[in-house]
C-alpha cells in the first residue's frame, strides 16, 4: 500500500492524478454493444465536481470507472485484440483537464494482472487516451480511467468515460 501511495504522489507531482480501482464511482452508466466479432463495453461517470487535492491532485479529482472484458475460450483464433479509449470532458469546456487511463491484461485462471500500461492526457475542456494490447483466449483485459479539472471561480463539473473493445472470431 505504501508503494501505491508513493506512485500516486509521484504522478501527482507531474501534474496528473492516479487512483486504485477502489476509488471508482459507485454508480457509473454502463453500455455494452455487440457487433458480431467485436464487443464494446463503456462506463461513464455522471458530471462530478470532484474533490480538491484528493490523492495529491493538482485540482479537483474526478473519480472514474473500470470496464473489463474476456477473450472467449471458444475464440477461433488464439488471441483477441483489445482497444482502449478514455476521455474526460468538462461542462464549461474551457478549464484545463487531465486524465489517466490504465489498460491491464489479466490472467483468467487466477485474476492476476500480468501486464499493464498507463497513459495520460491534458487539454482545455477535454482530452482523450488510446491504447491496445493482444491477449490470449481465456484471459481478460480492463481499462480504468480518472481525471482532474482545474479550479474555477464558478461551479464546473467533469465526466470520465472508459471504453474497451474486444475483437475476436468464433
Protein backbone atom coordinates (compact mmCIF):
# COMPACT_ATOMS: atom_id res chain seq x y z
CA UNK A 1 0.00 0.00 0.00
CA UNK A 2 2.88 2.38 0.73
CA UNK A 3 4.29 1.74 -2.76
CA UNK A 4 0.92 2.64 -4.30
CA UNK A 5 0.79 5.85 -2.25
CA UNK A 6 4.33 6.75 -3.37
CA UNK A 7 3.38 6.22 -7.02
CA UNK A 8 0.27 8.39 -6.62
CA UNK A 9 2.32 11.20 -5.08
CA UNK A 10 4.98 10.90 -7.81
CA UNK A 11 2.40 11.02 -10.61
CA UNK A 12 0.57 13.94 -8.95
CA UNK A 13 3.84 15.86 -8.85
CA UNK A 14 3.90 15.63 -12.65
CA UNK A 15 0.53 17.37 -12.84
CA UNK A 16 -1.76 14.32 -13.12
CA UNK A 17 -3.62 12.14 -10.64
CA UNK A 18 -3.76 8.38 -10.21
CA UNK A 19 -6.08 6.08 -8.30
CA UNK A 20 -6.76 2.46 -7.48
CA UNK A 21 -9.88 0.66 -8.68
CA UNK A 22 -11.43 1.04 -5.22
CA UNK A 23 -11.82 4.78 -5.94
CA UNK A 24 -14.24 4.18 -8.84
CA UNK A 25 -17.59 5.95 -8.65
CA UNK A 26 -20.27 3.67 -7.21
CA UNK A 27 -22.84 4.21 -9.99
CA UNK A 28 -21.44 4.88 -13.47
CA UNK A 29 -23.57 4.39 -16.57
CA UNK A 30 -22.67 1.19 -18.44
CA UNK A 31 -23.29 0.32 -22.08
CA UNK A 32 -22.48 -2.94 -23.89
CA UNK A 33 -22.64 -3.19 -27.69
CA UNK A 34 -22.06 -6.40 -29.68
CA UNK A 35 -21.02 -6.10 -33.33
CA UNK A 36 -20.60 -9.80 -34.17
CA UNK A 37 -16.84 -10.36 -33.72
CA UNK A 38 -16.49 -7.08 -31.76
CA UNK A 39 -17.79 -6.25 -28.30
CA UNK A 40 -17.64 -2.74 -26.78
CA UNK A 41 -18.07 -2.09 -23.06
CA UNK A 42 -18.24 1.53 -21.86
CA UNK A 43 -18.61 3.16 -18.48
CA UNK A 44 -19.28 6.86 -17.98
CA UNK A 45 -19.40 8.80 -14.76
CA UNK A 46 -22.04 11.44 -14.30
CA UNK A 47 -20.89 15.06 -14.19
CA UNK A 48 -18.91 15.46 -10.94
CA UNK A 49 -17.47 18.48 -9.15
CA UNK A 50 -14.63 16.38 -7.78
CA UNK A 51 -12.59 16.76 -4.60
CA UNK A 52 -9.86 19.38 -4.49
CA UNK A 53 -6.39 17.85 -3.93
CA UNK A 54 -7.67 14.29 -3.46
CA UNK A 55 -4.87 11.72 -4.00
CA UNK A 56 -2.46 14.66 -4.40
CA UNK A 57 -4.30 16.05 -7.46
CA UNK A 58 -3.35 19.50 -8.79
CA UNK A 59 -7.07 20.46 -8.98
CA UNK A 60 -10.42 18.75 -8.45
CA UNK A 61 -10.05 14.96 -8.67
CA UNK A 62 -12.86 13.37 -10.70
CA UNK A 63 -13.45 9.71 -9.85
CA UNK A 64 -13.54 7.32 -12.78
CA UNK A 65 -14.72 3.83 -13.58
CA UNK A 66 -13.44 0.46 -14.83
CA UNK A 67 -14.57 -1.84 -17.64
CA UNK A 68 -13.43 -5.43 -18.22
CA UNK A 69 -13.99 -7.98 -20.98
CA UNK A 70 -12.91 -11.59 -21.57
CA UNK A 71 -11.34 -13.11 -24.65
CA UNK A 72 -13.69 -16.11 -25.04
CA UNK A 73 -12.15 -19.54 -24.56
CA UNK A 74 -14.16 -20.57 -27.65
CA UNK A 75 -12.39 -17.95 -29.77
CA UNK A 76 -11.42 -19.39 -33.18
CA UNK A 77 -8.09 -17.55 -33.08
CA UNK A 78 -5.79 -17.98 -30.12
CA UNK A 79 -5.81 -14.23 -29.34
CA UNK A 80 -8.12 -11.23 -29.11
CA UNK A 81 -7.20 -7.68 -30.00
CA UNK A 82 -8.16 -5.16 -27.32
CA UNK A 83 -8.57 -1.42 -27.91
CA UNK A 84 -8.89 1.03 -25.05
CA UNK A 85 -10.23 4.56 -25.30
CA UNK A 86 -10.92 7.00 -22.50
CA UNK A 87 -11.75 10.68 -22.20
CA UNK A 88 -12.60 13.44 -19.76
CA UNK A 89 -14.86 16.39 -20.58
CA UNK A 90 -15.64 19.48 -18.53
CA UNK A 91 -19.09 21.02 -18.80
CA UNK A 92 -17.91 24.58 -19.44
CA UNK A 93 -15.32 23.37 -21.94
CA UNK A 94 -12.67 25.94 -21.04
CA UNK A 95 -10.85 24.72 -17.92
CA UNK A 96 -7.72 22.63 -18.05
CA UNK A 97 -8.33 18.89 -17.55
CA UNK A 98 -6.05 15.87 -17.28
CA UNK A 99 -6.82 12.17 -17.34
CA UNK A 100 -5.05 8.93 -16.51
CA UNK A 101 -6.01 5.62 -18.08
CA UNK A 102 -4.65 2.15 -17.37
CA UNK A 103 -5.01 -0.83 -19.71
CA UNK A 104 -4.47 -4.19 -17.98
CA UNK A 105 -4.08 -7.79 -19.21
CA UNK A 106 -5.43 -10.20 -16.60
CA UNK A 107 -4.81 -13.95 -16.42
CA UNK A 108 -8.13 -15.79 -16.39
CA UNK A 109 -7.00 -18.67 -14.16
CA UNK A 110 -6.24 -16.54 -11.09
CA UNK A 111 -7.17 -12.92 -11.98
CA UNK A 112 -3.54 -11.83 -11.68
CA UNK A 113 -2.55 -8.69 -13.58
CA UNK A 114 0.20 -9.88 -15.93
CA UNK A 115 0.73 -6.64 -17.84
CA UNK A 116 -0.40 -3.02 -17.70
CA UNK A 117 0.36 0.30 -19.32
CA UNK A 118 -0.64 3.82 -18.29
CA UNK A 119 -1.42 6.80 -20.49
CA UNK A 120 -2.15 10.41 -19.57
CA UNK A 121 -3.51 13.40 -21.45
CA UNK A 122 -4.10 17.10 -20.84
CA UNK A 123 -6.26 19.63 -22.63
CA UNK A 124 -8.60 22.58 -22.41
CA UNK A 125 -12.06 21.25 -21.62
CA UNK A 126 -11.41 17.74 -22.93
CA UNK A 127 -8.68 15.20 -23.66
CA UNK A 128 -8.50 11.51 -24.53
CA UNK A 129 -6.24 8.45 -24.32
CA UNK A 130 -6.00 5.39 -26.59
CA UNK A 131 -4.08 2.12 -26.31
CA UNK A 132 -4.22 -1.51 -27.45
CA UNK A 133 -2.96 -4.95 -26.48
CA UNK A 134 -3.39 -8.53 -27.71
CA UNK A 135 -4.41 -11.16 -25.13
CA UNK A 136 -4.84 -14.93 -25.38
CA UNK A 137 -8.21 -16.67 -25.14
CA UNK A 138 -9.48 -17.32 -21.65
CA UNK A 139 -7.89 -14.12 -20.33
CA UNK A 140 -9.28 -10.65 -19.63
CA UNK A 141 -8.46 -7.03 -20.29
CA UNK A 142 -9.62 -3.99 -18.34
CA UNK A 143 -9.49 -0.22 -18.71
CA UNK A 144 -9.68 2.20 -15.80
CA UNK A 145 -9.72 5.99 -16.01
CA UNK A 146 -9.90 9.01 -13.71
CA UNK A 147 -9.16 12.70 -14.11
CA UNK A 148 -8.65 16.17 -12.70
CA UNK A 149 -10.22 19.51 -13.61
CA UNK A 150 -8.88 22.98 -12.92
CA UNK A 151 -10.15 25.06 -10.00
CA UNK A 152 -12.50 27.82 -11.19
CA UNK A 153 -14.40 30.67 -9.61
CA UNK A 154 -17.68 29.22 -10.99
CA UNK A 155 -19.01 25.74 -10.39
CA UNK A 156 -17.98 23.29 -13.07
CA UNK A 157 -18.23 19.54 -13.39
CA UNK A 158 -16.47 16.92 -15.50
CA UNK A 159 -17.19 13.35 -16.63
CA UNK A 160 -14.85 10.43 -17.31
CA UNK A 161 -15.57 7.82 -19.99
CA UNK A 162 -13.72 4.48 -20.40
CA UNK A 163 -14.31 2.09 -23.31
CA UNK A 164 -12.81 -1.30 -24.05
CA UNK A 165 -13.32 -3.02 -27.42
CA UNK A 166 -12.59 -6.72 -27.87
CA UNK A 167 -12.14 -8.07 -31.41
CA UNK A 168 -12.32 -11.83 -31.89
CA UNK A 169 -13.62 -14.60 -34.15
CA UNK A 170 -15.76 -17.51 -33.01
